Amino acid sequence: MDTYNFIAFDIGATSGRTILATIKDNNLSLKELTRFPNTMIRIRNRFYWDIYALYEYLKTGLRRAAEENVVIHSIGIDTWGVDFACVGEDDTLLGLPRSYRDPYTNGIPEEYFKLLPQREVYELTGTQVLNLNTLYQLYAAKRENSSALKAAKHILFMPDALSFLLTGEKICEYTIASTSQLLDARTKKIEPVLLKIIGLNADLFPRGVMPGTIIGNLSDNIIKECGLKQPIPVVAVAGHDTASAVAAVPAENENFAYLSSGTWSLMGIELKEPVISEESYAMNLTNEGGVDGTIRFLKNITGMWLLEQCRKEWETEGFCYSYPEIVALSDSADAFQSLIDPDDSQFANPESMTKAITGYCKKTGQATPQSHAEYVRCIFQSLALKYKQVFQCLEQIAPFKIEKLHVISGGSQNKLLNQFTANAIGVPVVAGPAEATAIGNAMMQAKGLGIVHSLSEMREIIRHSFIPEIFQPENN
C-alpha cells in the first residue's frame, strides 16, 4: 500500500486539534500538529461560538501541515452536534452561531409540543428530546425574532459551515444533521413538517450528502495563504464527532455497545435500521446517523463536562491537576458518600459546577462533598451508575447479546472510571483508542478517496494499529 496523508480537524465543544493521519503498510499513525481552544463567548447573557476564530485556527493548522513537507491527500472536519450558522443571500455568515448551552431553549420543547405532539415528533425523527436540539433552537430563535434567521438563505451545521469557509461549497452532511431532531430517521432527509409549523422552510438546508463525499477543493486563496502546493479535496467525513468516533470502534463483530467518552458521554449500539417504538420512546433513546448505512442507537449523557467545569474553578484557586492526579484524587476518597444524576438540568451550564453539585446533594438529603477528591469521586461513581442504567436499557432493545463495551475517545484513558464501569455493567470494558474521533475522521477520508472500501476494512486497519486495554468486571 502506498503512503497517504490526511488532515483531520477534530473540534469539540471545549477544544480542537489538527491531526496529521498517515496510512502506510496497512497501519495508521497520528501526529498532532496544533491544539486550540474553543470558547463560548458571552454577550449580554447570550452564548455564542466564535466561528471566525475557529476558521483562523484551521488555517494555522494548514500552515503547520505545509511545514511537514508531505503530500496532503485530503482534509476533513468533525465537530460537536446540533449548533448551526446562518448564511445570507450573498454567502456572508450572519453573525456568530448560538451555543447549545445558551438557556434560550429552556422550556422550548414543551412549547413546541403544543404545535406538534411529542409522540409524533419522535415517530418522525426517532430522536431523543433534549432542549438543545436544533429543532428547539430554531423555534427559540424564531420566537426571539432573530434577525440572522430572518435573513438566512441557508443554515449550515458547524462542520458544514467550516467546510463552506474552506471551499465555498454548501452541503448538509447526514450524521451531523441526524443530531438535530429535524431528520426523518427512515428517509434520512430533513422533514419539512417539523419546520413548516414554526414558519420555516426545509429549503434552508442545502443538498444532503453521506459521509465520504468529496465536497470540493480547498479554495485557491487558502492554498496560497497557507503555503500549500496543490489542490486538496475536502471530504465530508462523519461530521458529528461521535459518528467519527464510533466509526473507529475496533470491533471484530456486531455484538458490542460503545461509549464515546468526552465532554458528553454517548452510549449506544450499532444497528442496520432505526428503532422507533413505545419502548425506545419511553426510554428517550435516539437514532442518529452512522457510516456505511448504520444507525447509532444511543443515549446522550452529560459526561466529563462536570469534571471540566470543576477543574476550571479549581484552577482559579491555584489547583491545576493533571489527569493522573484527578484519578488519584478519586481513588483516595471513600466510595458512595454522594451521588448525582449527571443529566439533571442544573448541571447544564451553571455559574459554579461545585455549587450545583453541593446544591443537588443537599436537595436530595445526601452528604455534600467537602474536598476536591470527594467531588471527583462523586462525579466518577455517578457516571458509572448512569452508564449502568443506560446499558440496561440498551440490553432490553438490542437484537443481540451485548458481549462488551468499547469505551473510546479521551475518557477511555480514565482507568479508574473504566473499572467502575466494568464493575457496574458486568461485562468487559475495552478501552481505546483515545483518538477515536480523529481516527474515524481520517478513515472516512480514506474511504471517500477509495483507499478503503467498507467500515469493516476501516476497523481492520484500526485494530492493526492500536492496542486497547481491557477491564474485566470485579467488585460490583
Protein backbone atom coordinates (compact mmCIF):
# COMPACT_ATOMS: atom_id res chain seq x y z
CA MET A 1 0.00 0.00 0.00
CA ASP A 2 1.22 3.50 -0.83
CA THR A 3 1.52 6.22 1.80
CA TYR A 4 -1.49 8.50 2.27
CA ASN A 5 -1.69 11.62 4.45
CA PHE A 6 -4.89 13.20 5.75
CA ILE A 7 -5.57 16.32 7.79
CA ALA A 8 -8.28 15.68 10.38
CA PHE A 9 -9.70 18.73 12.12
CA ASP A 10 -11.39 17.44 15.28
CA ILE A 11 -13.26 20.21 17.10
CA GLY A 12 -15.11 19.57 20.33
CA ALA A 13 -17.19 21.86 22.49
CA THR A 14 -14.15 22.96 24.53
CA SER A 15 -11.10 22.49 22.27
CA GLY A 16 -9.93 21.42 18.84
CA ARG A 17 -6.93 19.82 17.19
CA THR A 18 -5.23 19.47 13.84
CA ILE A 19 -4.13 15.87 13.31
CA LEU A 20 -1.92 14.55 10.54
CA ALA A 21 -3.01 10.95 9.93
CA THR A 22 -0.87 8.67 7.79
CA ILE A 23 -1.77 5.25 6.36
CA LYS A 24 1.21 3.16 5.33
CA ASP A 25 1.54 -0.63 5.05
CA ASN A 26 -1.95 -1.22 6.48
CA ASN A 27 -1.03 0.83 9.56
CA LEU A 28 -2.44 4.16 10.71
CA SER A 29 -0.35 6.66 12.66
CA LEU A 30 -1.28 10.07 14.06
CA LYS A 31 0.67 13.26 14.71
CA GLU A 32 -0.87 16.23 16.49
CA LEU A 33 0.09 19.41 14.66
CA THR A 34 -1.87 22.04 16.59
CA ARG A 35 -4.23 22.29 19.53
CA PHE A 36 -6.53 25.24 20.11
CA PRO A 37 -9.33 26.38 22.44
CA ASN A 38 -12.99 26.56 21.52
CA THR A 39 -14.50 29.02 23.95
CA MET A 40 -18.08 30.18 24.29
CA ILE A 41 -18.48 33.96 24.11
CA ARG A 42 -20.98 35.51 26.49
CA ILE A 43 -22.59 38.70 25.19
CA ARG A 44 -25.48 40.21 27.15
CA ASN A 45 -26.23 36.84 28.70
CA ARG A 46 -26.32 35.07 25.34
CA PHE A 47 -23.76 32.39 24.47
CA TYR A 48 -22.08 32.12 21.06
CA TRP A 49 -19.29 30.26 19.26
CA ASP A 50 -16.52 32.31 17.64
CA ILE A 51 -16.58 30.64 14.22
CA TYR A 52 -14.12 33.20 12.85
CA ALA A 53 -11.54 32.19 15.46
CA LEU A 54 -12.10 28.54 14.54
CA TYR A 55 -11.55 29.43 10.87
CA GLU A 56 -8.24 31.08 11.74
CA TYR A 57 -7.24 28.01 13.79
CA LEU A 58 -7.98 25.82 10.75
CA LYS A 59 -5.68 27.95 8.63
CA THR A 60 -2.99 27.79 11.31
CA GLY A 61 -3.30 24.00 11.20
CA LEU A 62 -2.97 24.01 7.41
CA ARG A 63 0.16 26.17 7.64
CA ARG A 64 1.62 23.71 10.10
CA ALA A 65 0.69 20.85 7.75
CA ALA A 66 2.51 22.60 4.91
CA GLU A 67 5.65 22.61 7.06
CA GLU A 68 5.55 18.80 7.25
CA ASN A 69 6.54 18.77 3.58
CA VAL A 70 4.38 15.75 2.72
CA VAL A 71 1.64 15.33 0.13
CA ILE A 72 -1.74 16.01 1.78
CA HIS A 73 -4.35 13.85 0.08
CA SER A 74 -7.46 15.35 1.72
CA ILE A 75 -8.96 17.31 4.62
CA GLY A 76 -11.93 16.51 6.86
CA ILE A 77 -13.74 18.33 9.69
CA ASP A 78 -15.80 16.95 12.56
CA THR A 79 -17.43 18.94 15.38
CA TRP A 80 -19.98 18.67 18.15
CA GLY A 81 -23.63 18.38 17.14
CA VAL A 82 -26.84 20.47 16.89
CA ASP A 83 -25.40 24.00 16.51
CA PHE A 84 -25.55 25.90 13.22
CA ALA A 85 -24.65 29.06 11.32
CA CYS A 86 -26.95 31.23 9.23
CA VAL A 87 -25.72 32.23 5.76
CA GLY A 88 -27.11 35.19 3.82
CA GLU A 89 -28.04 35.64 0.17
CA ASP A 90 -24.51 36.91 -0.58
CA ASP A 91 -22.85 33.93 1.18
CA THR A 92 -21.99 36.04 4.23
CA LEU A 93 -22.20 34.47 7.68
CA LEU A 94 -24.95 36.25 9.59
CA GLY A 95 -23.37 36.71 12.99
CA LEU A 96 -21.94 34.16 15.38
CA PRO A 97 -23.60 30.75 15.82
CA ARG A 98 -25.50 30.38 19.09
CA SER A 99 -24.22 27.79 21.56
CA TYR A 100 -26.38 24.84 22.59
CA ARG A 101 -25.59 25.74 26.21
CA ASP A 102 -27.48 29.02 25.85
CA PRO A 103 -30.53 28.88 28.14
CA TYR A 104 -32.79 30.37 25.43
CA THR A 105 -34.14 26.88 24.75
CA ASN A 106 -35.24 26.22 28.34
CA GLY A 107 -38.92 25.19 28.21
CA ILE A 108 -39.00 25.38 24.41
CA PRO A 109 -39.67 21.66 23.74
CA GLU A 110 -42.83 21.87 25.83
CA GLU A 111 -43.96 24.91 23.83
CA TYR A 112 -43.19 23.15 20.54
CA PHE A 113 -45.20 20.08 21.57
CA LYS A 114 -48.29 22.29 21.74
CA LEU A 115 -47.89 22.64 17.97
CA LEU A 116 -46.96 19.02 17.28
CA PRO A 117 -47.27 16.35 19.99
CA GLN A 118 -44.05 14.88 21.33
CA ARG A 119 -45.01 11.35 20.32
CA GLU A 120 -45.49 12.46 16.70
CA VAL A 121 -42.13 14.23 16.69
CA TYR A 122 -40.45 11.05 17.94
CA GLU A 123 -42.33 8.90 15.42
CA LEU A 124 -40.87 11.02 12.62
CA THR A 125 -37.34 11.52 13.89
CA GLY A 126 -36.63 8.76 16.42
CA THR A 127 -34.61 11.40 18.25
CA GLN A 128 -34.13 11.86 21.99
CA VAL A 129 -35.75 15.03 23.31
CA LEU A 130 -33.09 17.47 24.51
CA ASN A 131 -33.84 21.16 24.75
CA LEU A 132 -30.53 21.85 22.97
CA ASN A 133 -31.62 20.08 19.75
CA THR A 134 -31.56 22.20 16.59
CA LEU A 135 -35.35 21.96 16.23
CA TYR A 136 -35.86 23.78 19.53
CA GLN A 137 -33.03 26.23 18.90
CA LEU A 138 -34.73 27.25 15.65
CA TYR A 139 -38.07 27.64 17.41
CA ALA A 140 -36.44 29.71 20.16
CA ALA A 141 -34.67 31.89 17.57
CA LYS A 142 -37.93 32.38 15.70
CA ARG A 143 -39.68 33.44 18.92
CA GLU A 144 -36.86 35.90 19.61
CA ASN A 145 -37.41 37.34 16.12
CA SER A 146 -33.78 36.55 15.27
CA SER A 147 -32.51 38.89 12.55
CA ALA A 148 -29.97 36.26 11.44
CA LEU A 149 -32.62 33.59 10.98
CA LYS A 150 -34.94 36.07 9.27
CA ALA A 151 -32.27 36.94 6.69
CA ALA A 152 -30.89 33.40 6.27
CA LYS A 153 -30.73 31.90 2.79
CA HIS A 154 -29.14 28.74 4.16
CA ILE A 155 -28.50 27.06 7.50
CA LEU A 156 -25.27 25.08 7.87
CA PHE A 157 -24.37 22.78 10.75
CA MET A 158 -20.99 23.56 12.29
CA PRO A 159 -18.70 21.18 10.31
CA ASP A 160 -20.53 22.13 7.11
CA ALA A 161 -20.17 25.84 7.92
CA LEU A 162 -16.41 25.41 8.40
CA SER A 163 -16.05 23.36 5.19
CA PHE A 164 -18.02 26.13 3.43
CA LEU A 165 -15.43 28.66 4.62
CA LEU A 166 -12.68 26.43 3.22
CA THR A 167 -14.30 25.53 -0.11
CA GLY A 168 -17.23 27.84 -0.83
CA GLU A 169 -19.48 24.76 -1.18
CA LYS A 170 -22.64 24.33 0.91
CA ILE A 171 -23.74 20.84 1.99
CA CYS A 172 -25.74 19.15 4.74
CA GLU A 173 -23.86 16.05 5.91
CA TYR A 174 -26.04 13.18 7.14
CA THR A 175 -24.54 12.32 10.53
CA ILE A 176 -24.41 15.90 11.80
CA ALA A 177 -27.93 16.56 10.52
CA SER A 178 -29.13 13.47 12.39
CA THR A 179 -28.37 15.17 15.73
CA SER A 180 -30.82 17.99 15.02
CA GLN A 181 -34.23 16.31 15.53
CA LEU A 182 -35.06 17.62 12.06
CA LEU A 183 -34.23 14.45 10.12
CA ASP A 184 -36.70 11.71 9.27
CA ALA A 185 -34.89 8.66 10.66
CA ARG A 186 -36.25 6.42 7.89
CA THR A 187 -35.81 8.60 4.79
CA LYS A 188 -32.64 10.27 6.15
CA LYS A 189 -33.86 13.63 4.88
CA ILE A 190 -34.92 16.90 6.55
CA GLU A 191 -38.61 16.56 7.44
CA PRO A 192 -40.47 19.69 6.15
CA VAL A 193 -43.43 19.29 8.55
CA LEU A 194 -41.23 19.93 11.60
CA LEU A 195 -40.12 23.28 10.20
CA LYS A 196 -43.33 24.36 8.49
CA ILE A 197 -45.30 24.59 11.74
CA ILE A 198 -42.85 27.20 13.06
CA GLY A 199 -42.81 29.12 9.79
CA LEU A 200 -39.55 27.88 8.31
CA ASN A 201 -38.76 26.11 5.05
CA ALA A 202 -36.75 22.92 4.60
CA ASP A 203 -35.02 24.62 1.64
CA LEU A 204 -32.93 26.48 4.22
CA PHE A 205 -30.79 23.34 4.35
CA PRO A 206 -28.58 22.66 1.31
CA ARG A 207 -28.11 19.36 -0.51
CA GLY A 208 -27.71 16.35 1.73
CA VAL A 209 -24.61 14.18 1.40
CA MET A 210 -23.44 10.95 3.02
CA PRO A 211 -20.12 10.69 4.89
CA GLY A 212 -17.28 10.02 2.49
CA THR A 213 -18.49 12.53 -0.14
CA ILE A 214 -15.91 14.89 -1.64
CA ILE A 215 -17.29 18.41 -1.12
CA GLY A 216 -14.82 20.30 -3.29
CA ASN A 217 -11.25 21.54 -3.26
CA LEU A 218 -9.65 23.88 -0.76
CA SER A 219 -10.03 27.45 -2.04
CA ASP A 220 -7.11 28.79 -4.08
CA ASN A 221 -6.66 31.77 -1.76
CA ILE A 222 -6.32 29.48 1.28
CA ILE A 223 -3.86 27.22 -0.56
CA LYS A 224 -1.72 30.29 -1.28
CA GLU A 225 -2.15 31.85 2.17
CA CYS A 226 -1.20 28.63 3.99
CA GLY A 227 1.77 27.74 1.82
CA LEU A 228 0.29 24.57 0.36
CA LYS A 229 1.40 23.37 -3.04
CA GLN A 230 -1.51 21.66 -4.75
CA PRO A 231 -5.32 21.49 -4.83
CA ILE A 232 -6.56 19.43 -1.88
CA PRO A 233 -10.03 17.87 -1.70
CA VAL A 234 -12.16 18.48 1.39
CA VAL A 235 -14.16 15.37 2.30
CA ALA A 236 -17.44 15.36 4.21
CA VAL A 237 -16.43 12.87 6.89
CA ALA A 238 -18.87 11.76 9.59
CA GLY A 239 -19.26 15.39 10.62
CA HIS A 240 -20.63 14.63 14.08
CA ASP A 241 -17.63 13.88 16.28
CA THR A 242 -19.38 10.92 17.90
CA ALA A 243 -20.18 9.41 14.50
CA SER A 244 -16.49 9.67 13.59
CA ALA A 245 -15.53 8.15 16.94
CA VAL A 246 -17.94 5.21 16.57
CA ALA A 247 -16.55 4.54 13.09
CA ALA A 248 -13.21 3.95 14.86
CA VAL A 249 -14.52 1.32 17.31
CA PRO A 250 -12.06 -1.60 16.83
CA ALA A 251 -14.82 -4.23 16.98
CA GLU A 252 -14.49 -7.61 15.32
CA ASN A 253 -18.23 -8.36 15.28
CA GLU A 254 -21.53 -6.56 15.83
CA ASN A 255 -22.24 -7.71 19.41
CA PHE A 256 -20.96 -4.66 21.21
CA ALA A 257 -22.06 -1.43 22.80
CA TYR A 258 -19.95 1.71 22.69
CA LEU A 259 -19.36 4.65 24.95
CA SER A 260 -17.83 7.73 23.39
CA SER A 261 -16.48 9.45 26.47
CA GLY A 262 -15.67 13.15 26.34
CA THR A 263 -17.45 16.37 27.31
CA TRP A 264 -20.55 14.34 26.55
CA SER A 265 -20.83 10.59 27.05
CA LEU A 266 -22.77 8.85 24.30
CA MET A 267 -23.63 5.20 24.89
CA GLY A 268 -25.26 3.09 22.23
CA ILE A 269 -25.28 0.17 19.84
CA GLU A 270 -24.81 -0.01 16.09
CA LEU A 271 -27.85 -1.11 14.07
CA LYS A 272 -28.88 -1.51 10.44
CA GLU A 273 -32.28 0.18 10.86
CA PRO A 274 -33.72 2.76 13.27
CA VAL A 275 -35.69 1.60 16.32
CA ILE A 276 -38.79 3.72 16.86
CA SER A 277 -41.06 2.00 19.35
CA GLU A 278 -43.04 2.64 22.51
CA GLU A 279 -40.13 1.17 24.46
CA SER A 280 -37.45 3.37 22.86
CA TYR A 281 -39.72 6.40 23.23
CA ALA A 282 -40.27 5.74 26.94
CA MET A 283 -36.51 5.38 27.44
CA ASN A 284 -35.83 8.56 25.42
CA LEU A 285 -33.30 6.76 23.22
CA THR A 286 -32.20 8.30 19.94
CA ASN A 287 -31.47 7.17 16.38
CA GLU A 288 -28.55 9.06 14.85
CA GLY A 289 -26.76 8.52 11.57
CA GLY A 290 -23.62 6.42 11.28
CA VAL A 291 -21.32 5.49 8.42
CA ASP A 292 -21.89 2.76 5.82
CA GLY A 293 -25.65 2.94 6.33
CA THR A 294 -25.57 2.21 10.07
CA ILE A 295 -27.74 3.75 12.78
CA ARG A 296 -26.23 4.86 16.08
CA PHE A 297 -28.95 3.92 18.55
CA LEU A 298 -27.87 5.73 21.68
CA LYS A 299 -28.43 7.95 24.67
CA ASN A 300 -26.74 11.29 25.33
CA ILE A 301 -25.35 11.52 28.86
CA THR A 302 -23.64 14.51 30.40
CA GLY A 303 -20.00 13.37 30.64
CA MET A 304 -16.68 14.97 31.52
CA TRP A 305 -18.33 18.40 31.33
CA LEU A 306 -18.98 18.00 35.06
CA LEU A 307 -15.31 17.46 35.81
CA GLU A 308 -14.07 20.03 33.26
CA GLN A 309 -16.12 22.77 34.91
CA CYS A 310 -14.94 21.81 38.39
CA ARG A 311 -11.33 21.86 37.20
CA LYS A 312 -11.80 25.38 35.81
CA GLU A 313 -12.98 26.55 39.23
CA TRP A 314 -10.10 24.85 40.99
CA GLU A 315 -7.59 26.39 38.60
CA THR A 316 -8.76 29.87 39.64
CA GLU A 317 -7.97 28.77 43.21
CA GLY A 318 -4.45 27.73 42.18
CA PHE A 319 -5.03 23.97 41.87
CA CYS A 320 -4.05 22.67 38.44
CA TYR A 321 -4.49 18.89 38.43
CA SER A 322 -3.16 16.61 35.72
CA TYR A 323 -5.43 13.79 34.62
CA PRO A 324 -3.47 11.14 36.56
CA GLU A 325 -3.73 13.36 39.63
CA ILE A 326 -7.51 13.61 39.13
CA VAL A 327 -7.78 9.80 39.03
CA ALA A 328 -5.60 9.50 42.14
CA LEU A 329 -7.84 12.03 43.91
CA SER A 330 -10.92 9.95 43.18
CA ASP A 331 -9.25 6.75 44.32
CA SER A 332 -8.31 8.39 47.63
CA ALA A 333 -11.89 9.27 48.60
CA ASP A 334 -14.42 6.98 50.28
CA ALA A 335 -17.00 5.42 47.97
CA PHE A 336 -20.71 6.33 47.71
CA GLN A 337 -20.77 9.32 50.05
CA SER A 338 -22.86 11.20 47.49
CA LEU A 339 -24.40 10.61 44.06
CA ILE A 340 -25.85 12.91 41.42
CA ASP A 341 -27.83 12.47 38.23
CA PRO A 342 -25.36 13.83 35.64
CA ASP A 343 -28.26 14.74 33.35
CA ASP A 344 -30.10 16.94 35.84
CA SER A 345 -30.82 20.31 34.21
CA GLN A 346 -28.97 22.27 36.91
CA PHE A 347 -25.65 20.86 35.60
CA ALA A 348 -26.20 22.12 32.01
CA ASN A 349 -24.34 25.44 32.35
CA PRO A 350 -24.19 26.59 35.99
CA GLU A 351 -22.25 29.61 37.21
CA SER A 352 -20.43 27.19 39.56
CA MET A 353 -20.40 23.43 38.99
CA THR A 354 -19.20 22.69 42.53
CA LYS A 355 -22.08 24.72 43.98
CA ALA A 356 -24.50 22.94 41.65
CA ILE A 357 -23.26 19.55 42.89
CA THR A 358 -23.45 20.68 46.52
CA GLY A 359 -26.95 22.03 45.95
CA TYR A 360 -28.11 18.76 44.38
CA CYS A 361 -26.73 16.74 47.29
CA LYS A 362 -28.42 18.99 49.85
CA LYS A 363 -31.71 18.87 47.96
CA THR A 364 -31.61 15.05 47.89
CA GLY A 365 -30.64 14.67 51.54
CA GLN A 366 -27.08 13.47 51.00
CA ALA A 367 -23.72 14.38 52.46
CA THR A 368 -22.06 17.14 50.44
CA PRO A 369 -18.52 16.77 49.02
CA GLN A 370 -16.01 18.61 51.20
CA SER A 371 -12.77 18.13 49.27
CA HIS A 372 -11.71 18.09 45.65
CA ALA A 373 -11.22 14.32 45.97
CA GLU A 374 -14.81 13.86 47.11
CA TYR A 375 -16.16 15.93 44.20
CA VAL A 376 -14.20 13.81 41.71
CA ARG A 377 -15.30 10.57 43.37
CA CYS A 378 -18.92 11.74 43.30
CA ILE A 379 -18.68 12.52 39.57
CA PHE A 380 -16.95 9.26 38.58
CA GLN A 381 -19.22 6.92 40.52
CA SER A 382 -22.32 8.84 39.39
CA LEU A 383 -21.23 8.47 35.76
CA ALA A 384 -20.56 4.73 36.17
CA LEU A 385 -24.03 4.17 37.65
CA LYS A 386 -25.63 6.31 34.92
CA TYR A 387 -23.82 4.17 32.35
CA LYS A 388 -25.27 1.07 34.04
CA GLN A 389 -28.78 2.50 33.80
CA VAL A 390 -28.44 3.25 30.07
CA PHE A 391 -26.66 -0.05 29.36
CA GLN A 392 -29.61 -1.93 30.86
CA CYS A 393 -31.99 -0.02 28.58
CA LEU A 394 -29.89 -0.95 25.55
CA GLU A 395 -29.84 -4.61 26.63
CA GLN A 396 -33.64 -4.63 26.60
CA ILE A 397 -33.83 -3.45 22.99
CA ALA A 398 -30.67 -4.79 21.34
CA PRO A 399 -31.39 -7.61 18.83
CA PHE A 400 -28.21 -9.34 20.05
CA LYS A 401 -26.49 -10.12 23.35
CA ILE A 402 -24.09 -7.31 24.19
CA GLU A 403 -20.77 -9.01 24.91
CA LYS A 404 -18.55 -5.99 25.65
CA LEU A 405 -18.50 -2.22 25.93
CA HIS A 406 -16.00 -0.32 23.81
CA VAL A 407 -15.00 2.95 25.51
CA ILE A 408 -13.46 5.34 23.01
CA SER A 409 -12.19 8.93 22.87
CA GLY A 410 -10.43 10.87 25.64
CA GLY A 411 -12.34 9.34 28.54
CA SER A 412 -11.02 5.89 27.59
CA GLN A 413 -7.76 6.87 29.32
CA ASN A 414 -9.54 7.15 32.69
CA LYS A 415 -8.61 3.73 34.08
CA LEU A 416 -10.47 4.17 37.33
CA LEU A 417 -13.75 5.12 35.63
CA ASN A 418 -13.28 2.27 33.16
CA GLN A 419 -13.01 -0.17 36.07
CA PHE A 420 -16.00 1.40 37.83
CA THR A 421 -17.97 0.99 34.59
CA ALA A 422 -16.97 -2.65 34.08
CA ASN A 423 -17.96 -3.38 37.69
CA ALA A 424 -21.31 -1.61 37.23
CA ILE A 425 -22.39 -3.17 33.92
CA GLY A 426 -20.94 -6.64 34.44
CA VAL A 427 -19.27 -7.07 31.03
CA PRO A 428 -15.70 -6.36 29.90
CA VAL A 429 -14.78 -2.79 29.02
CA VAL A 430 -12.42 -2.44 26.05
CA ALA A 431 -10.74 0.97 26.30
CA GLY A 432 -9.34 2.79 23.30
CA PRO A 433 -8.40 4.24 21.00
CA ALA A 434 -8.32 7.58 22.80
CA GLU A 435 -8.01 9.40 19.46
CA ALA A 436 -11.08 7.65 18.04
CA THR A 437 -12.68 10.78 16.59
CA ALA A 438 -9.60 11.84 14.62
CA ILE A 439 -9.08 8.22 13.53
CA GLY A 440 -12.66 7.89 12.27
CA ASN A 441 -12.34 11.26 10.54
CA ALA A 442 -9.17 10.17 8.72
CA MET A 443 -10.52 6.73 7.80
CA MET A 444 -13.66 8.26 6.27
CA GLN A 445 -11.39 10.48 4.17
CA ALA A 446 -9.62 7.31 3.04
CA LYS A 447 -12.96 5.76 2.16
CA GLY A 448 -14.04 8.90 0.30
CA LEU A 449 -10.89 8.69 -1.83
CA GLY A 450 -11.38 4.96 -2.49
CA ILE A 451 -8.35 3.85 -0.48
CA VAL A 452 -10.54 1.66 1.75
CA HIS A 453 -13.98 0.42 0.77
CA SER A 454 -16.01 -0.51 3.86
CA LEU A 455 -16.46 0.02 7.58
CA SER A 456 -15.11 -3.46 8.29
CA GLU A 457 -11.96 -2.69 6.29
CA MET A 458 -11.54 0.57 8.22
CA ARG A 459 -11.84 -1.24 11.54
CA GLU A 460 -9.37 -3.90 10.49
CA ILE A 461 -6.71 -1.21 9.94
CA ILE A 462 -7.59 0.38 13.30
CA ARG A 463 -7.25 -2.96 15.15
CA HIS A 464 -3.91 -3.47 13.46
CA SER A 465 -2.72 -0.01 14.52
CA PHE A 466 -3.91 0.45 18.13
CA ILE A 467 -3.88 -1.95 21.09
CA PRO A 468 -6.77 -1.45 23.54
CA GLU A 469 -6.75 -2.06 27.32
CA ILE A 470 -9.32 -4.47 28.73
CA PHE A 471 -11.06 -4.09 32.13
CA GLN A 472 -12.84 -7.16 33.49
CA PRO A 473 -15.73 -6.76 35.96
CA GLU A 474 -14.51 -7.09 39.54
CA ASN A 475 -16.15 -5.88 42.75
CA ASN A 476 -19.63 -4.69 41.77
